Amino acid sequence: MVVDEGWSLVPINPRAEVTQARILSNRKVGAYHHIAFEAGEIGRYAKPGNFIAIAVGGDFSSMPLHRVFAIYRAKAEGIHASTIEIIVAAHGKGSEWLVKQSEGSQLRITGPLGTSFPLPAEPVNVAIVGGGYGSAPLFDLADHLKTRGCRVDAVIGASTSSKIFAPLDGKRTVNSVTVTTEDGSAGVQGRVTDVLDELIDRQRIDLIYSCGPMAMLKAIDEVAQRHQISHLISVEEAMACGIGICMTCVLPIKDSKGIVKMTRTCIEGPVIDSERVLWSKGIPEGTWGAP
């Protein structure tokens, strides 16, 4: 068995800190909740693709595990100093507790965590592709891409119209937005991949960023490979700790030497070059760190 001695030494995001964050606003947006925090230095150092881990349930909670959320937007300064925003889909005890918290509540937050989206060195044509509220971090990314002179076209998909997340300010950032829904209740009936080929050809897309369920990311990657386009993804693996301890978020990923390892996506992700991901089901024989 080949052992990469540096694997265990990969640190968490060097800017990460634990802070008491105050809720500035908590409002319902369609099927989701938009929550803004005054969050110490986290907003100052957060980059598109980073995430935070929130302690839920209060001081005497029976829920010891943090809940992890992608950062929707971060601001280094403003009327409330450093702020971060997240989008929450309430579908479990932890997230249901979180969306019930009122303005002024203090929560313990760790962040910014994880890797961020690398930006192109020169202006290129970019497609951002998101599924459901997985599209949230892509709009902050679009802001950064636009400042570099990139053209940005967005494809946002969901099962039905109520689960689409495409904020008005985000629509103003990108050059175009194409919406797809599987039931046809909004935009084009179908999935994001049904419109992606045509967009790539029409806008001469050079680079794709995507965020959403693994099945969607895999389907987008197949499109990217057909067109020989670089594809950077943000995975949505379940994370119980967010800081590399619990090993619940591991995926078989190829390292720089081509060695396949069960890799912690909370540390060496969630942003990963799709070429490194082994999309086939199951764990390949010989994978380092596999049970």
C-alpha atoms as a PDB file:
ATOM      1  CA  MET A   1       0.000   0.000   0.000  1.00  0.00           C
ATOM      2  CA  VAL A   2       1.359   3.382  -1.001  1.00  0.00           C
ATOM      3  CA  VAL A   3       1.214   5.884   1.829  1.00  0.00           C
ATOM      4  CA  ASP A   4       1.274   9.627   1.167  1.00  0.00           C
ATOM      5  CA  GLU A   5       2.798  10.918   4.378  1.00  0.00           C
ATOM      6  CA  GLY A   6       1.598  14.449   3.651  1.00  0.00           C
ATOM      7  CA  TRP A   7      -2.038  13.378   3.619  1.00  0.00           C
ATOM      8  CA  SER A   8      -2.520  13.601   7.380  1.00  0.00           C
ATOM      9  CA  LEU A   9      -0.822  16.994   7.497  1.00  0.00           C
ATOM     10  CA  VAL A  10      -3.249  18.809   5.190  1.00  0.00           C
ATOM     11  CA  PRO A  11      -4.509  21.693   7.359  1.00  0.00           C
ATOM     12  CA  ILE A  12      -7.950  23.218   7.550  1.00  0.00           C
ATOM     13  CA  ASN A  13      -8.368  26.608   5.936  1.00  0.00           C
ATOM     14  CA  PRO A  14      -5.645  28.761   7.567  1.00  0.00           C
ATOM     15  CA  ARG A  15      -8.105  31.661   7.921  1.00  0.00           C
ATOM     16  CA  ALA A  16     -10.636  29.590   9.877  1.00  0.00           C
ATOM     17  CA  GLU A  17     -11.721  30.748  13.314  1.00  0.00           C
ATOM     18  CA  VAL A  18     -14.515  30.109  15.787  1.00  0.00           C
ATOM     19  CA  THR A  19     -16.683  33.117  16.543  1.00  0.00           C
ATOM     20  CA  GLN A  20     -20.000  34.132  18.078  1.00  0.00           C
ATOM     21  CA  ALA A  21     -22.024  35.399  15.130  1.00  0.00           C
ATOM     22  CA  ARG A  22     -25.111  37.586  15.472  1.00  0.00           C
ATOM     23  CA  ILE A  23     -28.073  37.035  13.167  1.00  0.00           C
ATOM     24  CA  LEU A  24     -28.804  40.262  11.271  1.00  0.00           C
ATOM     25  CA  SER A  25     -31.757  38.942   9.274  1.00  0.00           C
ATOM     26  CA  ASN A  26     -33.624  35.689   8.709  1.00  0.00           C
ATOM     27  CA  ARG A  27     -36.224  35.659   5.955  1.00  0.00           C
ATOM     28  CA  LYS A  28     -38.034  33.127   3.811  1.00  0.00           C
ATOM     29  CA  VAL A  29     -37.122  33.137   0.124  1.00  0.00           C
ATOM     30  CA  GLY A  30     -39.264  30.671  -1.785  1.00  0.00           C
ATOM     31  CA  ALA A  31     -38.547  27.175  -0.480  1.00  0.00           C
ATOM     32  CA  TYR A  32     -35.466  28.376   1.406  1.00  0.00           C
ATOM     33  CA  HIS A  33     -34.331  30.733   4.170  1.00  0.00           C
ATOM     34  CA  HIS A  34     -31.821  33.521   3.662  1.00  0.00           C
ATOM     35  CA  ILE A  35     -29.832  34.206   6.852  1.00  0.00           C
ATOM     36  CA  ALA A  36     -27.272  36.993   7.269  1.00  0.00           C
ATOM     37  CA  PHE A  37     -24.730  37.101  10.112  1.00  0.00           C
ATOM     38  CA  GLU A  38     -22.356  39.629  11.562  1.00  0.00           C
ATOM     39  CA  ALA A  39     -19.451  37.216  11.739  1.00  0.00           C
ATOM     40  CA  GLY A  40     -16.170  38.685  12.922  1.00  0.00           C
ATOM     41  CA  GLU A  41     -13.292  38.074  10.532  1.00  0.00           C
ATOM     42  CA  ILE A  42     -15.033  35.273   8.644  1.00  0.00           C
ATOM     43  CA  GLY A  43     -16.609  37.632   6.121  1.00  0.00           C
ATOM     44  CA  ARG A  44     -13.308  39.394   5.627  1.00  0.00           C
ATOM     45  CA  TYR A  45     -11.456  36.249   4.547  1.00  0.00           C
ATOM     46  CA  ALA A  46     -14.195  34.096   2.993  1.00  0.00           C
ATOM     47  CA  LYS A  47     -13.892  33.353  -0.723  1.00  0.00           C
ATOM     48  CA  PRO A  48     -16.440  31.892  -3.171  1.00  0.00           C
ATOM     49  CA  GLY A  49     -16.671  28.169  -2.512  1.00  0.00           C
ATOM     50  CA  ASN A  50     -15.818  28.323   1.209  1.00  0.00           C
ATOM     51  CA  PHE A  51     -18.331  27.112   3.804  1.00  0.00           C
ATOM     52  CA  ILE A  52     -19.109  27.487   7.504  1.00  0.00           C
ATOM     53  CA  ALA A  53     -20.053  25.039  10.273  1.00  0.00           C
ATOM     54  CA  ILE A  54     -22.755  26.150  12.712  1.00  0.00           C
ATOM     55  CA  ALA A  55     -23.422  24.752  16.198  1.00  0.00           C
ATOM     56  CA  VAL A  56     -27.172  24.148  16.347  1.00  0.00           C
ATOM     57  CA  GLY A  57     -29.699  23.492  19.086  1.00  0.00           C
ATOM     58  CA  GLY A  58     -28.454  25.931  21.739  1.00  0.00           C
ATOM     59  CA  ASP A  59     -26.203  25.450  24.764  1.00  0.00           C
ATOM     60  CA  PHE A  60     -27.988  22.338  26.030  1.00  0.00           C
ATOM     61  CA  SER A  61     -28.681  20.698  22.718  1.00  0.00           C
ATOM     62  CA  SER A  62     -28.787  16.944  22.162  1.00  0.00           C
ATOM     63  CA  MET A  63     -27.460  17.640  18.639  1.00  0.00           C
ATOM     64  CA  PRO A  64     -23.667  17.625  19.085  1.00  0.00           C
ATOM     65  CA  LEU A  65     -22.819  17.757  15.381  1.00  0.00           C
ATOM     66  CA  HIS A  66     -22.461  21.043  13.539  1.00  0.00           C
ATOM     67  CA  ARG A  67     -24.413  21.804  10.384  1.00  0.00           C
ATOM     68  CA  VAL A  68     -22.434  22.856   7.329  1.00  0.00           C
ATOM     69  CA  PHE A  69     -23.552  25.517   4.840  1.00  0.00           C
ATOM     70  CA  ALA A  70     -21.970  27.007   1.742  1.00  0.00           C
ATOM     71  CA  ILE A  71     -21.367  30.738   2.005  1.00  0.00           C
ATOM     72  CA  TYR A  72     -23.754  32.533  -0.333  1.00  0.00           C
ATOM     73  CA  ARG A  73     -22.118  35.943  -0.036  1.00  0.00           C
ATOM     74  CA  ALA A  74     -19.430  37.485   2.157  1.00  0.00           C
ATOM     75  CA  LYS A  75     -18.610  41.148   2.732  1.00  0.00           C
ATOM     76  CA  ALA A  76     -15.397  42.343   4.316  1.00  0.00           C
ATOM     77  CA  GLU A  77     -16.893  45.573   5.618  1.00  0.00           C
ATOM     78  CA  GLY A  78     -20.097  47.587   5.740  1.00  0.00           C
ATOM     79  CA  ILE A  79     -22.595  49.012   8.174  1.00  0.00           C
ATOM     80  CA  HIS A  80     -22.325  45.805  10.247  1.00  0.00           C
ATOM     81  CA  ALA A  81     -18.596  45.257   9.608  1.00  0.00           C
ATOM     82  CA  SER A  82     -17.814  41.741   8.295  1.00  0.00           C
ATOM     83  CA  THR A  83     -20.910  39.770   7.244  1.00  0.00           C
ATOM     84  CA  ILE A  84     -21.737  36.404   5.692  1.00  0.00           C
ATOM     85  CA  GLU A  85     -24.957  35.106   4.170  1.00  0.00           C
ATOM     86  CA  ILE A  86     -26.184  31.538   3.741  1.00  0.00           C
ATOM     87  CA  ILE A  87     -29.159  29.822   2.117  1.00  0.00           C
ATOM     88  CA  VAL A  88     -30.816  27.101   4.192  1.00  0.00           C
ATOM     89  CA  ALA A  89     -33.201  24.336   3.150  1.00  0.00           C
ATOM     90  CA  ALA A  90     -34.922  23.192   6.345  1.00  0.00           C
ATOM     91  CA  HIS A  91     -35.124  19.402   6.087  1.00  0.00           C
ATOM     92  CA  GLY A  92     -33.760  18.110   9.407  1.00  0.00           C
ATOM     93  CA  LYS A  93     -33.790  18.921  13.123  1.00  0.00           C
ATOM     94  CA  GLY A  94     -30.658  21.063  12.947  1.00  0.00           C
ATOM     95  CA  SER A  95     -31.648  23.178   9.962  1.00  0.00           C
ATOM     96  CA  GLU A  96     -35.238  23.445  11.214  1.00  0.00           C
ATOM     97  CA  TRP A  97     -33.930  24.818  14.507  1.00  0.00           C
ATOM     98  CA  LEU A  98     -31.665  27.247  12.667  1.00  0.00           C
ATOM     99  CA  VAL A  99     -34.366  28.833  10.498  1.00  0.00           C
ATOM    100  CA  LYS A 100     -36.459  29.521  13.611  1.00  0.00           C
ATOM    101  CA  GLN A 101     -33.760  31.698  15.203  1.00  0.00           C
ATOM    102  CA  SER A 102     -34.627  35.375  15.467  1.00  0.00           C
ATOM    103  CA  GLU A 103     -32.652  38.491  14.618  1.00  0.00           C
ATOM    104  CA  GLY A 104     -30.083  39.240  17.301  1.00  0.00           C
ATOM    105  CA  SER A 105     -29.536  35.592  18.237  1.00  0.00           C
ATOM    106  CA  GLN A 106     -25.906  34.588  18.824  1.00  0.00           C
ATOM    107  CA  LEU A 107     -24.634  31.370  17.233  1.00  0.00           C
ATOM    108  CA  ARG A 108     -21.222  29.709  17.318  1.00  0.00           C
ATOM    109  CA  ILE A 109     -19.785  29.534  13.806  1.00  0.00           C
ATOM    110  CA  THR A 110     -16.528  28.091  12.476  1.00  0.00           C
ATOM    111  CA  GLY A 111     -15.210  29.410   9.180  1.00  0.00           C
ATOM    112  CA  PRO A 112     -14.268  30.069   6.521  1.00  0.00           C
ATOM    113  CA  LEU A 113     -13.646  26.387   5.814  1.00  0.00           C
ATOM    114  CA  GLY A 114     -12.671  24.382   2.763  1.00  0.00           C
ATOM    115  CA  THR A 115     -11.180  25.288  -0.578  1.00  0.00           C
ATOM    116  CA  SER A 116     -12.406  28.090  -2.825  1.00  0.00           C
ATOM    117  CA  PHE A 117     -13.018  28.370  -6.570  1.00  0.00           C
ATOM    118  CA  PRO A 118      -9.790  29.241  -8.421  1.00  0.00           C
ATOM    119  CA  LEU A 119     -10.247  32.187 -10.779  1.00  0.00           C
ATOM    120  CA  PRO A 120      -8.937  32.326 -14.362  1.00  0.00           C
ATOM    121  CA  ALA A 121      -5.850  34.469 -14.893  1.00  0.00           C
ATOM    122  CA  GLU A 122      -7.393  36.174 -17.936  1.00  0.00           C
ATOM    123  CA  PRO A 123     -10.898  36.894 -19.275  1.00  0.00           C
ATOM    124  CA  VAL A 124     -12.671  33.754 -20.522  1.00  0.00           C
ATOM    125  CA  ASN A 125     -16.227  32.658 -21.255  1.00  0.00           C
ATOM    126  CA  VAL A 126     -17.642  30.875 -18.207  1.00  0.00           C
ATOM    127  CA  ALA A 127     -20.746  28.824 -17.489  1.00  0.00           C
ATOM    128  CA  ILE A 128     -21.923  28.461 -13.891  1.00  0.00           C
ATOM    129  CA  VAL A 129     -24.320  25.558 -13.347  1.00  0.00           C
ATOM    130  CA  GLY A 130     -26.259  24.998 -10.141  1.00  0.00           C
ATOM    131  CA  GLY A 131     -28.937  22.668  -8.835  1.00  0.00           C
ATOM    132  CA  GLY A 132     -31.518  23.927  -6.315  1.00  0.00           C
ATOM    133  CA  TYR A 133     -29.987  26.022  -3.574  1.00  0.00           C
ATOM    134  CA  GLY A 134     -26.630  24.595  -4.651  1.00  0.00           C
ATOM    135  CA  SER A 135     -26.529  27.544  -7.038  1.00  0.00           C
ATOM    136  CA  ALA A 136     -26.188  29.985  -4.108  1.00  0.00           C
ATOM    137  CA  PRO A 137     -22.353  30.194  -3.897  1.00  0.00           C
ATOM    138  CA  LEU A 138     -22.069  30.498  -7.674  1.00  0.00           C
ATOM    139  CA  PHE A 139     -23.467  34.031  -7.770  1.00  0.00           C
ATOM    140  CA  ASP A 140     -20.744  35.398  -5.500  1.00  0.00           C
ATOM    141  CA  LEU A 141     -18.295  33.589  -7.771  1.00  0.00           C
ATOM    142  CA  ALA A 142     -19.913  35.314 -10.757  1.00  0.00           C
ATOM    143  CA  ASP A 143     -19.217  38.716  -9.169  1.00  0.00           C
ATOM    144  CA  HIS A 144     -15.519  37.882  -8.921  1.00  0.00           C
ATOM    145  CA  LEU A 145     -15.414  36.524 -12.466  1.00  0.00           C
ATOM    146  CA  LYS A 146     -17.009  39.675 -13.851  1.00  0.00           C
ATOM    147  CA  THR A 147     -14.380  41.853 -12.171  1.00  0.00           C
ATOM    148  CA  ARG A 148     -11.809  39.867 -14.186  1.00  0.00           C
ATOM    149  CA  GLY A 149     -13.569  40.625 -17.440  1.00  0.00           C
ATOM    150  CA  CYS A 150     -15.174  37.201 -17.891  1.00  0.00           C
ATOM    151  CA  ARG A 151     -18.478  36.617 -19.607  1.00  0.00           C
ATOM    152  CA  VAL A 152     -20.658  34.543 -17.266  1.00  0.00           C
ATOM    153  CA  ASP A 153     -23.735  32.562 -18.332  1.00  0.00           C
ATOM    154  CA  ALA A 154     -25.764  30.732 -15.696  1.00  0.00           C
ATOM    155  CA  VAL A 155     -27.820  27.550 -15.910  1.00  0.00           C
ATOM    156  CA  ILE A 156     -29.967  26.913 -12.843  1.00  0.00           C
ATOM    157  CA  GLY A 157     -32.034  23.770 -12.434  1.00  0.00           C
ATOM    158  CA  ALA A 158     -34.372  22.089  -9.946  1.00  0.00           C
ATOM    159  CA  SER A 159     -37.167  19.567  -9.820  1.00  0.00           C
ATOM    160  CA  THR A 160     -39.826  22.317  -9.671  1.00  0.00           C
ATOM    161  CA  SER A 161     -40.035  26.125  -9.775  1.00  0.00           C
ATOM    162  CA  SER A 162     -40.278  26.591  -5.986  1.00  0.00           C
ATOM    163  CA  LYS A 163     -36.827  25.018  -5.569  1.00  0.00           C
ATOM    164  CA  ILE A 164     -35.083  27.326  -8.033  1.00  0.00           C
ATOM    165  CA  PHE A 165     -32.664  29.745  -6.387  1.00  0.00           C
ATOM    166  CA  ALA A 166     -31.756  32.599  -8.732  1.00  0.00           C
ATOM    167  CA  PRO A 167     -31.740  35.896  -6.796  1.00  0.00           C
ATOM    168  CA  LEU A 168     -32.463  39.164  -8.573  1.00  0.00           C
ATOM    169  CA  ASP A 169     -29.051  40.627  -7.767  1.00  0.00           C
ATOM    170  CA  GLY A 170     -27.452  37.441  -9.084  1.00  0.00           C
ATOM    171  CA  LYS A 171     -29.358  37.706 -12.353  1.00  0.00           C
ATOM    172  CA  ARG A 172     -27.975  41.208 -12.766  1.00  0.00           C
ATOM    173  CA  THR A 173     -24.436  39.934 -12.284  1.00  0.00           C
ATOM    174  CA  VAL A 174     -24.433  37.316 -15.034  1.00  0.00           C
ATOM    175  CA  ASN A 175     -24.867  37.858 -18.762  1.00  0.00           C
ATOM    176  CA  SER A 176     -27.717  35.374 -19.039  1.00  0.00           C
ATOM    177  CA  VAL A 177     -29.706  32.928 -16.918  1.00  0.00           C
ATOM    178  CA  THR A 178     -31.307  29.754 -18.253  1.00  0.00           C
ATOM    179  CA  VAL A 179     -33.714  28.006 -15.870  1.00  0.00           C
ATOM    180  CA  THR A 180     -34.671  24.346 -16.168  1.00  0.00           C
ATOM    181  CA  THR A 181     -37.236  22.398 -14.149  1.00  0.00           C
ATOM    182  CA  GLU A 182     -37.942  18.712 -14.429  1.00  0.00           C
ATOM    183  CA  ASP A 183     -41.713  19.261 -14.198  1.00  0.00           C
ATOM    184  CA  GLY A 184     -41.733  22.198 -16.626  1.00  0.00           C
ATOM    185  CA  SER A 185     -43.158  24.630 -14.046  1.00  0.00           C
ATOM    186  CA  ALA A 186     -40.512  27.243 -14.941  1.00  0.00           C
ATOM    187  CA  GLY A 187     -38.117  27.785 -17.827  1.00  0.00           C
ATOM    188  CA  VAL A 188     -37.157  24.843 -20.005  1.00  0.00           C
ATOM    189  CA  GLN A 189     -38.580  21.458 -19.070  1.00  0.00           C
ATOM    190  CA  GLY A 190     -35.731  19.068 -18.378  1.00  0.00           C
ATOM    191  CA  ARG A 191     -32.380  19.088 -16.630  1.00  0.00           C
ATOM    192  CA  VAL A 192     -29.440  21.461 -16.758  1.00  0.00           C
ATOM    193  CA  THR A 193     -27.549  19.138 -19.087  1.00  0.00           C
ATOM    194  CA  ASP A 194     -30.357  19.375 -21.638  1.00  0.00           C
ATOM    195  CA  VAL A 195     -29.427  22.992 -22.406  1.00  0.00           C
ATOM    196  CA  LEU A 196     -25.708  22.940 -21.655  1.00  0.00           C
ATOM    197  CA  ASP A 197     -24.429  21.657 -25.011  1.00  0.00           C
ATOM    198  CA  GLU A 198     -26.169  24.440 -26.915  1.00  0.00           C
ATOM    199  CA  LEU A 199     -24.934  27.093 -24.481  1.00  0.00           C
ATOM    200  CA  ILE A 200     -21.347  25.859 -24.764  1.00  0.00           C
ATOM    201  CA  ASP A 201     -21.460  26.044 -28.552  1.00  0.00           C
ATOM    202  CA  ARG A 202     -23.290  29.376 -28.730  1.00  0.00           C
ATOM    203  CA  GLN A 203     -21.159  31.257 -26.182  1.00  0.00           C
ATOM    204  CA  ARG A 204     -17.923  29.340 -26.830  1.00  0.00           C
ATOM    205  CA  ILE A 205     -17.620  28.418 -23.170  1.00  0.00           C
ATOM    206  CA  ASP A 206     -14.056  27.893 -21.957  1.00  0.00           C
ATOM    207  CA  LEU A 207     -14.684  26.870 -18.349  1.00  0.00           C
ATOM    208  CA  ILE A 208     -17.532  25.427 -16.260  1.00  0.00           C
ATOM    209  CA  TYR A 209     -18.125  25.829 -12.531  1.00  0.00           C
ATOM    210  CA  SER A 210     -20.870  23.744 -10.951  1.00  0.00           C
ATOM    211  CA  CYS A 211     -22.401  22.997  -7.579  1.00  0.00           C
ATOM    212  CA  GLY A 212     -25.129  20.544  -6.666  1.00  0.00           C
ATOM    213  CA  PRO A 213     -25.874  16.857  -6.118  1.00  0.00           C
ATOM    214  CA  MET A 214     -23.222  14.372  -7.219  1.00  0.00           C
ATOM    215  CA  ALA A 215     -25.447  12.839  -9.906  1.00  0.00           C
ATOM    216  CA  MET A 216     -25.886  16.269 -11.481  1.00  0.00           C
ATOM    217  CA  LEU A 217     -22.157  17.038 -11.260  1.00  0.00           C
ATOM    218  CA  LYS A 218     -21.350  13.728 -12.937  1.00  0.00           C
ATOM    219  CA  ALA A 219     -23.780  14.465 -15.780  1.00  0.00           C
ATOM    220  CA  ILE A 220     -22.291  17.945 -16.255  1.00  0.00           C
ATOM    221  CA  ASP A 221     -18.806  16.447 -16.292  1.00  0.00           C
ATOM    222  CA  GLU A 222     -19.785  14.128 -19.124  1.00  0.00           C
ATOM    223  CA  VAL A 223     -20.829  17.191 -21.130  1.00  0.00           C
ATOM    224  CA  ALA A 224     -17.595  19.008 -20.225  1.00  0.00           C
ATOM    225  CA  GLN A 225     -15.525  16.007 -21.349  1.00  0.00           C
ATOM    226  CA  ARG A 226     -17.315  15.850 -24.702  1.00  0.00           C
ATOM    227  CA  HIS A 227     -16.405  19.483 -25.321  1.00  0.00           C
ATOM    228  CA  GLN A 228     -12.944  19.136 -23.714  1.00  0.00           C
ATOM    229  CA  ILE A 229     -13.679  21.961 -21.278  1.00  0.00           C
ATOM    230  CA  SER A 230     -12.219  22.345 -17.796  1.00  0.00           C
ATOM    231  CA  HIS A 231     -14.811  21.721 -15.095  1.00  0.00           C
ATOM    232  CA  LEU A 232     -14.494  22.775 -11.457  1.00  0.00           C
ATOM    233  CA  ILE A 233     -17.062  21.414  -9.018  1.00  0.00           C
ATOM    234  CA  SER A 234     -18.194  22.043  -5.464  1.00  0.00           C
ATOM    235  CA  VAL A 235     -19.405  18.764  -3.967  1.00  0.00           C
ATOM    236  CA  GLU A 236     -22.292  18.470  -1.506  1.00  0.00           C
ATOM    237  CA  GLU A 237     -21.123  15.504   0.554  1.00  0.00           C
ATOM    238  CA  ALA A 238     -22.566  15.210   4.078  1.00  0.00           C
ATOM    239  CA  MET A 239     -20.161  16.678   6.631  1.00  0.00           C
ATOM    240  CA  ALA A 240     -20.555  15.973  10.322  1.00  0.00           C
ATOM    241  CA  CYS A 241     -17.643  18.095  11.552  1.00  0.00           C
ATOM    242  CA  GLY A 242     -16.337  20.177   8.657  1.00  0.00           C
ATOM    243  CA  ILE A 243     -12.752  20.125   9.957  1.00  0.00           C
ATOM    244  CA  GLY A 244     -11.433  16.747   8.809  1.00  0.00           C
ATOM    245  CA  ILE A 245     -11.986  14.656  11.928  1.00  0.00           C
ATOM    246  CA  CYS A 246     -15.045  12.486  11.344  1.00  0.00           C
ATOM    247  CA  MET A 247     -14.245  11.152   7.824  1.00  0.00           C
ATOM    248  CA  THR A 248     -17.911  11.139   6.762  1.00  0.00           C
ATOM    249  CA  CYS A 249     -17.313  13.286   3.671  1.00  0.00           C
ATOM    250  CA  VAL A 250     -14.607  11.228   1.960  1.00  0.00           C
ATOM    251  CA  LEU A 251     -14.629  10.533  -1.778  1.00  0.00           C
ATOM    252  CA  PRO A 252     -12.214   8.569  -3.998  1.00  0.00           C
ATOM    253  CA  ILE A 253     -10.039  11.335  -5.487  1.00  0.00           C
ATOM    254  CA  LYS A 254      -6.805  11.173  -7.475  1.00  0.00           C
ATOM    255  CA  ASP A 255      -3.934  13.174  -6.001  1.00  0.00           C
ATOM    256  CA  SER A 256      -1.256  15.023  -7.994  1.00  0.00           C
ATOM    257  CA  LYS A 257       0.627  11.730  -8.483  1.00  0.00           C
ATOM    258  CA  GLY A 258      -2.423   9.860  -9.749  1.00  0.00           C
ATOM    259  CA  ILE A 259      -2.846   7.875  -6.526  1.00  0.00           C
ATOM    260  CA  VAL A 260      -6.495   7.306  -5.603  1.00  0.00           C
ATOM    261  CA  LYS A 261      -7.243   8.166  -1.982  1.00  0.00           C
ATOM    262  CA  MET A 262     -10.352   8.474   0.141  1.00  0.00           C
ATOM    263  CA  THR A 263     -10.094  12.251   0.432  1.00  0.00           C
ATOM    264  CA  ARG A 264     -11.781  14.523   2.964  1.00  0.00           C
ATOM    265  CA  THR A 265     -13.843  16.943   0.904  1.00  0.00           C
ATOM    266  CA  CYS A 266     -14.160  19.311   3.862  1.00  0.00           C
ATOM    267  CA  ILE A 267     -10.377  19.845   3.780  1.00  0.00           C
ATOM    268  CA  GLU A 268      -9.220  19.228   0.190  1.00  0.00           C
ATOM    269  CA  GLY A 269     -12.641  20.321  -1.087  1.00  0.00           C
ATOM    270  CA  PRO A 270     -15.446  21.087  -1.463  1.00  0.00           C
ATOM    271  CA  VAL A 271     -14.045  22.706  -4.631  1.00  0.00           C
ATOM    272  CA  ILE A 272     -12.272  20.063  -6.731  1.00  0.00           C
ATOM    273  CA  ASP A 273     -11.152  19.740 -10.339  1.00  0.00           C
ATOM    274  CA  SER A 274     -13.588  17.228 -11.826  1.00  0.00           C
ATOM    275  CA  GLU A 275     -10.716  15.378 -13.532  1.00  0.00           C
ATOM    276  CA  ARG A 276      -9.582  14.165 -10.103  1.00  0.00           C
ATOM    277  CA  VAL A 277     -12.941  12.606  -9.174  1.00  0.00           C
ATOM    278  CA  LEU A 278     -13.640   8.912  -9.734  1.00  0.00           C
ATOM    279  CA  TRP A 279     -17.269   9.024 -10.819  1.00  0.00           C
ATOM    280  CA  SER A 280     -17.875   5.273 -11.034  1.00  0.00           C
ATOM    281  CA  LYS A 281     -19.936   3.706  -8.273  1.00  0.00           C
ATOM    282  CA  GLY A 282     -18.099   1.943  -5.494  1.00  0.00           C
ATOM    283  CA  ILE A 283     -14.528   2.285  -4.266  1.00  0.00           C
ATOM    284  CA  PRO A 284     -11.824   1.102  -6.707  1.00  0.00           C
ATOM    285  CA  GLU A 285      -9.583  -1.699  -5.479  1.00  0.00           C
ATOM    286  CA  GLY A 286      -6.334  -0.378  -4.070  1.00  0.00           C
ATOM    287  CA  THR A 287      -7.768   2.990  -3.002  1.00  0.00           C
ATOM    288  CA  TRP A 288      -5.668   4.437  -0.186  1.00  0.00           C
ATOM    289  CA  GLY A 289      -7.654   4.804   3.038  1.00  0.00           C
ATOM    290  CA  ALA A 290     -10.561   2.602   1.940  1.00  0.00           C
ATOM    291  CA  PRO A 291     -12.087   0.292   4.563  1.00  0.00           C
END
